[in-house]
Amino acid sequence: MSLIRLSMIAGAALYIGLFIAQGAFTILIIYAAIIGSLILIGLASRLFVSNEEQAKKYEMILIWCSLLTFAIYGLLFAGGVI
């Protein structure tokens, strides 16, 4: 397993942990946390495809999802929603 795939799995696990923690503290966003977790699990599982070209595509999608999730989380926290 390459270092990129390992770091993407670790990042997805971190964000899933953040989703679940925020959902536990703020019950109003529990459904969004579950949906976000399922999306990240689905994308992270696609990293194990045998086709290297498809795996590279899903790595890039997962990187951008992680970055956008962090940005959205920061905006929601700064806006006082979370």
PDB file of N, CA and C in Angstrom:
ATOM      1  N   MET A   1       0.852  -1.174   0.000  1.00  0.00           N
ATOM      2  CA  MET A   1       0.000   0.000   0.000  1.00  0.00           C
ATOM      3  C   MET A   1       0.894   1.233   0.000  1.00  0.00           C
ATOM      4  N   SER A   2       0.558   2.174  -0.855  1.00  0.00           N
ATOM      5  CA  SER A   2       1.369   3.374  -0.953  1.00  0.00           C
ATOM      6  C   SER A   2       1.091   4.314   0.219  1.00  0.00           C
ATOM      7  N   LEU A   3       2.011   5.227   0.414  1.00  0.00           N
ATOM      8  CA  LEU A   3       1.887   6.189   1.505  1.00  0.00           C
ATOM      9  C   LEU A   3       0.700   7.122   1.287  1.00  0.00           C
ATOM     10  N   ILE A   4       0.403   7.431   0.026  1.00  0.00           N
ATOM     11  CA  ILE A   4      -0.745   8.298  -0.265  1.00  0.00           C
ATOM     12  C   ILE A   4      -2.039   7.613   0.164  1.00  0.00           C
ATOM     13  N   ARG A   5      -2.176   6.342  -0.182  1.00  0.00           N
ATOM     14  CA  ARG A   5      -3.404   5.623   0.191  1.00  0.00           C
ATOM     15  C   ARG A   5      -3.531   5.505   1.706  1.00  0.00           C
ATOM     16  N   LEU A   6      -2.428   5.232   2.362  1.00  0.00           N
ATOM     17  CA  LEU A   6      -2.455   5.120   3.814  1.00  0.00           C
ATOM     18  C   LEU A   6      -2.831   6.444   4.471  1.00  0.00           C
ATOM     19  N   SER A   7      -2.285   7.544   3.965  1.00  0.00           N
ATOM     20  CA  SER A   7      -2.618   8.849   4.535  1.00  0.00           C
ATOM     21  C   SER A   7      -4.065   9.243   4.227  1.00  0.00           C
ATOM     22  N   MET A   8      -4.577   8.841   3.070  1.00  0.00           N
ATOM     23  CA  MET A   8      -5.970   9.132   2.739  1.00  0.00           C
ATOM     24  C   MET A   8      -6.923   8.362   3.650  1.00  0.00           C
ATOM     25  N   ILE A   9      -6.582   7.130   3.956  1.00  0.00           N
ATOM     26  CA  ILE A   9      -7.411   6.334   4.865  1.00  0.00           C
ATOM     27  C   ILE A   9      -7.364   6.926   6.269  1.00  0.00           C
ATOM     28  N   ALA A  10      -6.174   7.349   6.696  1.00  0.00           N
ATOM     29  CA  ALA A  10      -6.046   7.975   8.015  1.00  0.00           C
ATOM     30  C   ALA A  10      -6.823   9.291   8.067  1.00  0.00           C
ATOM     31  N   GLY A  11      -6.758  10.075   6.995  1.00  0.00           N
ATOM     32  CA  GLY A  11      -7.511  11.331   6.941  1.00  0.00           C
ATOM     33  C   GLY A  11      -9.012  11.099   6.946  1.00  0.00           C
ATOM     34  N   ALA A  12      -9.463  10.102   6.207  1.00  0.00           N
ATOM     35  CA  ALA A  12     -10.890   9.782   6.190  1.00  0.00           C
ATOM     36  C   ALA A  12     -11.348   9.335   7.573  1.00  0.00           C
ATOM     37  N   ALA A  13     -10.519   8.541   8.252  1.00  0.00           N
ATOM     38  CA  ALA A  13     -10.867   8.098   9.604  1.00  0.00           C
ATOM     39  C   ALA A  13     -10.938   9.287  10.564  1.00  0.00           C
ATOM     40  N   LEU A  14     -10.022  10.234  10.409  1.00  0.00           N
ATOM     41  CA  LEU A  14     -10.039  11.436  11.249  1.00  0.00           C
ATOM     42  C   LEU A  14     -11.318  12.244  11.029  1.00  0.00           C
ATOM     43  N   TYR A  15     -11.677  12.457   9.765  1.00  0.00           N
ATOM     44  CA  TYR A  15     -12.887  13.218   9.477  1.00  0.00           C
ATOM     45  C   TYR A  15     -14.149  12.481   9.912  1.00  0.00           C
ATOM     46  N   ILE A  16     -14.167  11.181   9.788  1.00  0.00           N
ATOM     47  CA  ILE A  16     -15.317  10.418  10.276  1.00  0.00           C
ATOM     48  C   ILE A  16     -15.431  10.575  11.787  1.00  0.00           C
ATOM     49  N   GLY A  17     -14.286  10.554  12.478  1.00  0.00           N
ATOM     50  CA  GLY A  17     -14.298  10.798  13.925  1.00  0.00           C
ATOM     51  C   GLY A  17     -14.825  12.184  14.260  1.00  0.00           C
ATOM     52  N   LEU A  18     -14.418  13.192  13.479  1.00  0.00           N
ATOM     53  CA  LEU A  18     -14.937  14.545  13.693  1.00  0.00           C
ATOM     54  C   LEU A  18     -16.441  14.609  13.441  1.00  0.00           C
ATOM     55  N   PHE A  19     -16.886  13.966  12.373  1.00  0.00           N
ATOM     56  CA  PHE A  19     -18.324  13.947  12.081  1.00  0.00           C
ATOM     57  C   PHE A  19     -19.108  13.344  13.234  1.00  0.00           C
ATOM     58  N   ILE A  20     -18.653  12.204  13.712  1.00  0.00           N
ATOM     59  CA  ILE A  20     -19.368  11.513  14.785  1.00  0.00           C
ATOM     60  C   ILE A  20     -19.329  12.321  16.079  1.00  0.00           C
ATOM     61  N   ALA A  21     -18.181  12.917  16.385  1.00  0.00           N
ATOM     62  CA  ALA A  21     -18.072  13.729  17.607  1.00  0.00           C
ATOM     63  C   ALA A  21     -18.999  14.944  17.544  1.00  0.00           C
ATOM     64  N   GLN A  22     -19.017  15.636  16.412  1.00  0.00           N
ATOM     65  CA  GLN A  22     -19.901  16.796  16.281  1.00  0.00           C
ATOM     66  C   GLN A  22     -21.367  16.374  16.283  1.00  0.00           C
ATOM     67  N   GLY A  23     -21.656  15.239  15.693  1.00  0.00           N
ATOM     68  CA  GLY A  23     -23.029  14.743  15.715  1.00  0.00           C
ATOM     69  C   GLY A  23     -23.473  14.364  17.117  1.00  0.00           C
ATOM     70  N   ALA A  24     -22.541  13.884  17.928  1.00  0.00           N
ATOM     71  CA  ALA A  24     -22.888  13.524  19.308  1.00  0.00           C
ATOM     72  C   ALA A  24     -23.131  14.764  20.161  1.00  0.00           C
ATOM     73  N   PHE A  25     -22.385  15.825  19.898  1.00  0.00           N
ATOM     74  CA  PHE A  25     -22.543  17.051  20.689  1.00  0.00           C
ATOM     75  C   PHE A  25     -23.682  17.937  20.181  1.00  0.00           C
ATOM     76  N   THR A  26     -23.910  17.912  18.874  1.00  0.00           N
ATOM     77  CA  THR A  26     -24.962  18.722  18.267  1.00  0.00           C
ATOM     78  C   THR A  26     -25.917  17.778  17.554  1.00  0.00           C
ATOM     79  N   ILE A  27     -26.993  17.436  18.219  1.00  0.00           N
ATOM     80  CA  ILE A  27     -27.918  16.427  17.695  1.00  0.00           C
ATOM     81  C   ILE A  27     -28.547  16.860  16.366  1.00  0.00           C
ATOM     82  N   LEU A  28     -28.646  18.156  16.124  1.00  0.00           N
ATOM     83  CA  LEU A  28     -29.276  18.636  14.895  1.00  0.00           C
ATOM     84  C   LEU A  28     -28.519  18.227  13.636  1.00  0.00           C
ATOM     85  N   ILE A  29     -27.239  17.961  13.751  1.00  0.00           N
ATOM     86  CA  ILE A  29     -26.458  17.621  12.562  1.00  0.00           C
ATOM     87  C   ILE A  29     -26.091  16.145  12.501  1.00  0.00           C
ATOM     88  N   ILE A  30     -26.746  15.322  13.289  1.00  0.00           N
ATOM     89  CA  ILE A  30     -26.402  13.895  13.312  1.00  0.00           C
ATOM     90  C   ILE A  30     -26.636  13.234  11.955  1.00  0.00           C
ATOM     91  N   TYR A  31     -27.695  13.613  11.250  1.00  0.00           N
ATOM     92  CA  TYR A  31     -27.960  13.012   9.940  1.00  0.00           C
ATOM     93  C   TYR A  31     -26.915  13.447   8.920  1.00  0.00           C
ATOM     94  N   ALA A  32     -26.498  14.709   8.971  1.00  0.00           N
ATOM     95  CA  ALA A  32     -25.435  15.182   8.077  1.00  0.00           C
ATOM     96  C   ALA A  32     -24.121  14.478   8.395  1.00  0.00           C
ATOM     97  N   ALA A  33     -23.869  14.218   9.673  1.00  0.00           N
ATOM     98  CA  ALA A  33     -22.648  13.511  10.070  1.00  0.00           C
ATOM     99  C   ALA A  33     -22.663  12.077   9.555  1.00  0.00           C
ATOM    100  N   ILE A  34     -23.806  11.443   9.618  1.00  0.00           N
ATOM    101  CA  ILE A  34     -23.918  10.070   9.117  1.00  0.00           C
ATOM    102  C   ILE A  34     -23.730  10.038   7.605  1.00  0.00           C
ATOM    103  N   ILE A  35     -24.335  10.965   6.893  1.00  0.00           N
ATOM    104  CA  ILE A  35     -24.202  11.015   5.439  1.00  0.00           C
ATOM    105  C   ILE A  35     -22.758  11.304   5.044  1.00  0.00           C
ATOM    106  N   GLY A  36     -22.129  12.270   5.714  1.00  0.00           N
ATOM    107  CA  GLY A  36     -20.732  12.578   5.426  1.00  0.00           C
ATOM    108  C   GLY A  36     -19.820  11.402   5.700  1.00  0.00           C
ATOM    109  N   SER A  37     -20.082  10.683   6.780  1.00  0.00           N
ATOM    110  CA  SER A  37     -19.277   9.507   7.106  1.00  0.00           C
ATOM    111  C   SER A  37     -19.438   8.424   6.043  1.00  0.00           C
ATOM    112  N   LEU A  38     -20.652   8.209   5.592  1.00  0.00           N
ATOM    113  CA  LEU A  38     -20.884   7.194   4.559  1.00  0.00           C
ATOM    114  C   LEU A  38     -20.215   7.562   3.239  1.00  0.00           C
ATOM    115  N   ILE A  39     -20.226   8.844   2.894  1.00  0.00           N
ATOM    116  CA  ILE A  39     -19.557   9.288   1.673  1.00  0.00           C
ATOM    117  C   ILE A  39     -18.052   9.039   1.774  1.00  0.00           C
ATOM    118  N   LEU A  40     -17.473   9.401   2.912  1.00  0.00           N
ATOM    119  CA  LEU A  40     -16.034   9.186   3.079  1.00  0.00           C
ATOM    120  C   LEU A  40     -15.673   7.702   3.112  1.00  0.00           C
ATOM    121  N   ILE A  41     -16.499   6.892   3.732  1.00  0.00           N
ATOM    122  CA  ILE A  41     -16.251   5.447   3.736  1.00  0.00           C
ATOM    123  C   ILE A  41     -16.317   4.894   2.308  1.00  0.00           C
ATOM    124  N   GLY A  42     -17.301   5.352   1.556  1.00  0.00           N
ATOM    125  CA  GLY A  42     -17.427   4.903   0.168  1.00  0.00           C
ATOM    126  C   GLY A  42     -16.235   5.302  -0.680  1.00  0.00           C
ATOM    127  N   LEU A  43     -15.781   6.538  -0.531  1.00  0.00           N
ATOM    128  CA  LEU A  43     -14.623   6.977  -1.309  1.00  0.00           C
ATOM    129  C   LEU A  43     -13.341   6.286  -0.858  1.00  0.00           C
ATOM    130  N   ALA A  44     -13.184   6.102   0.440  1.00  0.00           N
ATOM    131  CA  ALA A  44     -11.974   5.439   0.941  1.00  0.00           C
ATOM    132  C   ALA A  44     -11.935   3.975   0.507  1.00  0.00           C
ATOM    133  N   SER A  45     -13.082   3.330   0.427  1.00  0.00           N
ATOM    134  CA  SER A  45     -13.090   1.931   0.001  1.00  0.00           C
ATOM    135  C   SER A  45     -12.729   1.796  -1.473  1.00  0.00           C
ATOM    136  N   ARG A  46     -12.953   2.833  -2.244  1.00  0.00           N
ATOM    137  CA  ARG A  46     -12.615   2.786  -3.669  1.00  0.00           C
ATOM    138  C   ARG A  46     -11.112   2.853  -3.914  1.00  0.00           C
ATOM    139  N   LEU A  47     -10.327   3.158  -2.883  1.00  0.00           N
ATOM    140  CA  LEU A  47      -8.875   3.207  -3.044  1.00  0.00           C
ATOM    141  C   LEU A  47      -8.273   1.827  -3.235  1.00  0.00           C
ATOM    142  N   PHE A  48      -9.034   0.783  -2.963  1.00  0.00           N
ATOM    143  CA  PHE A  48      -8.514  -0.575  -3.048  1.00  0.00           C
ATOM    144  C   PHE A  48      -8.857  -1.274  -4.359  1.00  0.00           C
ATOM    145  N   VAL A  49      -9.217  -0.513  -5.396  1.00  0.00           N
ATOM    146  CA  VAL A  49      -9.489  -1.119  -6.695  1.00  0.00           C
ATOM    147  C   VAL A  49      -8.171  -1.563  -7.320  1.00  0.00           C
ATOM    148  N   SER A  50      -8.234  -2.564  -8.175  1.00  0.00           N
ATOM    149  CA  SER A  50      -7.013  -3.100  -8.765  1.00  0.00           C
ATOM    150  C   SER A  50      -6.479  -2.220  -9.891  1.00  0.00           C
ATOM    151  N   ASN A  51      -7.340  -1.476 -10.541  1.00  0.00           N
ATOM    152  CA  ASN A  51      -6.919  -0.598 -11.626  1.00  0.00           C
ATOM    153  C   ASN A  51      -6.240   0.637 -11.032  1.00  0.00           C
ATOM    154  N   GLU A  52      -4.991   0.837 -11.375  1.00  0.00           N
ATOM    155  CA  GLU A  52      -4.199   1.927 -10.805  1.00  0.00           C
ATOM    156  C   GLU A  52      -4.716   3.305 -11.238  1.00  0.00           C
ATOM    157  N   GLU A  53      -5.223   3.396 -12.460  1.00  0.00           N
ATOM    158  CA  GLU A  53      -5.737   4.683 -12.951  1.00  0.00           C
ATOM    159  C   GLU A  53      -7.003   5.096 -12.180  1.00  0.00           C
ATOM    160  N   GLN A  54      -7.886   4.150 -11.919  1.00  0.00           N
ATOM    161  CA  GLN A  54      -9.080   4.451 -11.132  1.00  0.00           C
ATOM    162  C   GLN A  54      -8.724   4.805  -9.698  1.00  0.00           C
ATOM    163  N   ALA A  55      -7.749   4.098  -9.133  1.00  0.00           N
ATOM    164  CA  ALA A  55      -7.331   4.378  -7.764  1.00  0.00           C
ATOM    165  C   ALA A  55      -6.773   5.797  -7.658  1.00  0.00           C
ATOM    166  N   LYS A  56      -6.022   6.230  -8.658  1.00  0.00           N
ATOM    167  CA  LYS A  56      -5.469   7.586  -8.656  1.00  0.00           C
ATOM    168  C   LYS A  56      -6.584   8.632  -8.723  1.00  0.00           C
ATOM    169  N   LYS A  57      -7.621   8.337  -9.518  1.00  0.00           N
ATOM    170  CA  LYS A  57      -8.751   9.260  -9.623  1.00  0.00           C
ATOM    171  C   LYS A  57      -9.467   9.385  -8.281  1.00  0.00           C
ATOM    172  N   TYR A  58      -9.687   8.279  -7.604  1.00  0.00           N
ATOM    173  CA  TYR A  58     -10.369   8.323  -6.317  1.00  0.00           C
ATOM    174  C   TYR A  58      -9.498   8.934  -5.226  1.00  0.00           C
ATOM    175  N   GLU A  59      -8.182   8.805  -5.353  1.00  0.00           N
ATOM    176  CA  GLU A  59      -7.294   9.484  -4.415  1.00  0.00           C
ATOM    177  C   GLU A  59      -7.471  10.995  -4.520  1.00  0.00           C
ATOM    178  N   MET A  60      -7.531  11.497  -5.740  1.00  0.00           N
ATOM    179  CA  MET A  60      -7.701  12.940  -5.935  1.00  0.00           C
ATOM    180  C   MET A  60      -9.068  13.410  -5.446  1.00  0.00           C
ATOM    181  N   ILE A  61     -10.108  12.626  -5.690  1.00  0.00           N
ATOM    182  CA  ILE A  61     -11.439  12.985  -5.200  1.00  0.00           C
ATOM    183  C   ILE A  61     -11.436  13.036  -3.682  1.00  0.00           C
ATOM    184  N   LEU A  62     -10.810  12.064  -3.047  1.00  0.00           N
ATOM    185  CA  LEU A  62     -10.782  12.013  -1.591  1.00  0.00           C
ATOM    186  C   LEU A  62      -9.962  13.154  -1.010  1.00  0.00           C
ATOM    187  N   ILE A  63      -8.872  13.523  -1.660  1.00  0.00           N
ATOM    188  CA  ILE A  63      -8.086  14.665  -1.194  1.00  0.00           C
ATOM    189  C   ILE A  63      -8.925  15.934  -1.226  1.00  0.00           C
ATOM    190  N   TRP A  64      -9.626  16.183  -2.320  1.00  0.00           N
ATOM    191  CA  TRP A  64     -10.438  17.390  -2.430  1.00  0.00           C
ATOM    192  C   TRP A  64     -11.623  17.366  -1.476  1.00  0.00           C
ATOM    193  N   CYS A  65     -12.222  16.199  -1.269  1.00  0.00           N
ATOM    194  CA  CYS A  65     -13.312  16.099  -0.294  1.00  0.00           C
ATOM    195  C   CYS A  65     -12.811  16.415   1.110  1.00  0.00           C
ATOM    196  N   SER A  66     -11.624  15.942   1.436  1.00  0.00           N
ATOM    197  CA  SER A  66     -11.059  16.222   2.752  1.00  0.00           C
ATOM    198  C   SER A  66     -10.793  17.708   2.927  1.00  0.00           C
ATOM    199  N   LEU A  67     -10.231  18.332   1.913  1.00  0.00           N
ATOM    200  CA  LEU A  67      -9.959  19.767   1.992  1.00  0.00           C
ATOM    201  C   LEU A  67     -11.247  20.585   2.093  1.00  0.00           C
ATOM    202  N   LEU A  68     -12.225  20.241   1.282  1.00  0.00           N
ATOM    203  CA  LEU A  68     -13.487  20.975   1.326  1.00  0.00           C
ATOM    204  C   LEU A  68     -14.233  20.743   2.637  1.00  0.00           C
ATOM    205  N   THR A  69     -14.153  19.536   3.164  1.00  0.00           N
ATOM    206  CA  THR A  69     -14.792  19.255   4.451  1.00  0.00           C
ATOM    207  C   THR A  69     -14.162  20.087   5.555  1.00  0.00           C
ATOM    208  N   PHE A  70     -12.846  20.203   5.539  1.00  0.00           N
ATOM    209  CA  PHE A  70     -12.158  21.025   6.532  1.00  0.00           C
ATOM    210  C   PHE A  70     -12.563  22.484   6.390  1.00  0.00           C
ATOM    211  N   ALA A  71     -12.657  22.977   5.162  1.00  0.00           N
ATOM    212  CA  ALA A  71     -13.047  24.370   4.940  1.00  0.00           C
ATOM    213  C   ALA A  71     -14.485  24.625   5.392  1.00  0.00           C
ATOM    214  N   ILE A  72     -15.387  23.719   5.077  1.00  0.00           N
ATOM    215  CA  ILE A  72     -16.784  23.873   5.487  1.00  0.00           C
ATOM    216  C   ILE A  72     -16.906  23.823   7.005  1.00  0.00           C
ATOM    217  N   TYR A  73     -16.168  22.915   7.623  1.00  0.00           N
ATOM    218  CA  TYR A  73     -16.169  22.824   9.082  1.00  0.00           C
ATOM    219  C   TYR A  73     -15.680  24.120   9.710  1.00  0.00           C
ATOM    220  N   GLY A  74     -14.601  24.681   9.160  1.00  0.00           N
ATOM    221  CA  GLY A  74     -14.075  25.948   9.670  1.00  0.00           C
ATOM    222  C   GLY A  74     -15.074  27.087   9.507  1.00  0.00           C
ATOM    223  N   LEU A  75     -15.749  27.140   8.368  1.00  0.00           N
ATOM    224  CA  LEU A  75     -16.743  28.197   8.144  1.00  0.00           C
ATOM    225  C   LEU A  75     -17.938  28.048   9.096  1.00  0.00           C
ATOM    226  N   LEU A  76     -18.391  26.827   9.277  1.00  0.00           N
ATOM    227  CA  LEU A  76     -19.509  26.610  10.197  1.00  0.00           C
ATOM    228  C   LEU A  76     -19.124  26.925  11.636  1.00  0.00           C
ATOM    229  N   PHE A  77     -17.902  26.591  12.011  1.00  0.00           N
ATOM    230  CA  PHE A  77     -17.437  26.878  13.374  1.00  0.00           C
ATOM    231  C   PHE A  77     -17.279  28.391  13.560  1.00  0.00           C
ATOM    232  N   ALA A  78     -16.731  29.072  12.550  1.00  0.00           N
ATOM    233  CA  ALA A  78     -16.549  30.519  12.642  1.00  0.00           C
ATOM    234  C   ALA A  78     -17.897  31.242  12.640  1.00  0.00           C
ATOM    235  N   GLY A  79     -18.868  30.705  11.945  1.00  0.00           N
ATOM    236  CA  GLY A  79     -20.192  31.315  11.892  1.00  0.00           C
ATOM    237  C   GLY A  79     -21.043  31.031  13.098  1.00  0.00           C
ATOM    238  N   GLY A  80     -20.576  30.178  14.010  1.00  0.00           N
ATOM    239  CA  GLY A  80     -21.315  29.887  15.215  1.00  0.00           C
ATOM    240  C   GLY A  80     -22.360  28.789  15.085  1.00  0.00           C
ATOM    241  N   VAL A  81     -22.389  28.120  13.932  1.00  0.00           N
ATOM    242  CA  VAL A  81     -23.354  27.043  13.740  1.00  0.00           C
ATOM    243  C   VAL A  81     -22.961  25.825  14.559  1.00  0.00           C
ATOM    244  N   ILE A  82     -21.672  25.566  14.631  1.00  0.00           N
ATOM    245  CA  ILE A  82     -21.169  24.412  15.388  1.00  0.00           C
ATOM    246  C   ILE A  82     -20.534  24.921  16.670  1.00  0.00           C
TER     247      ILE A  82
END
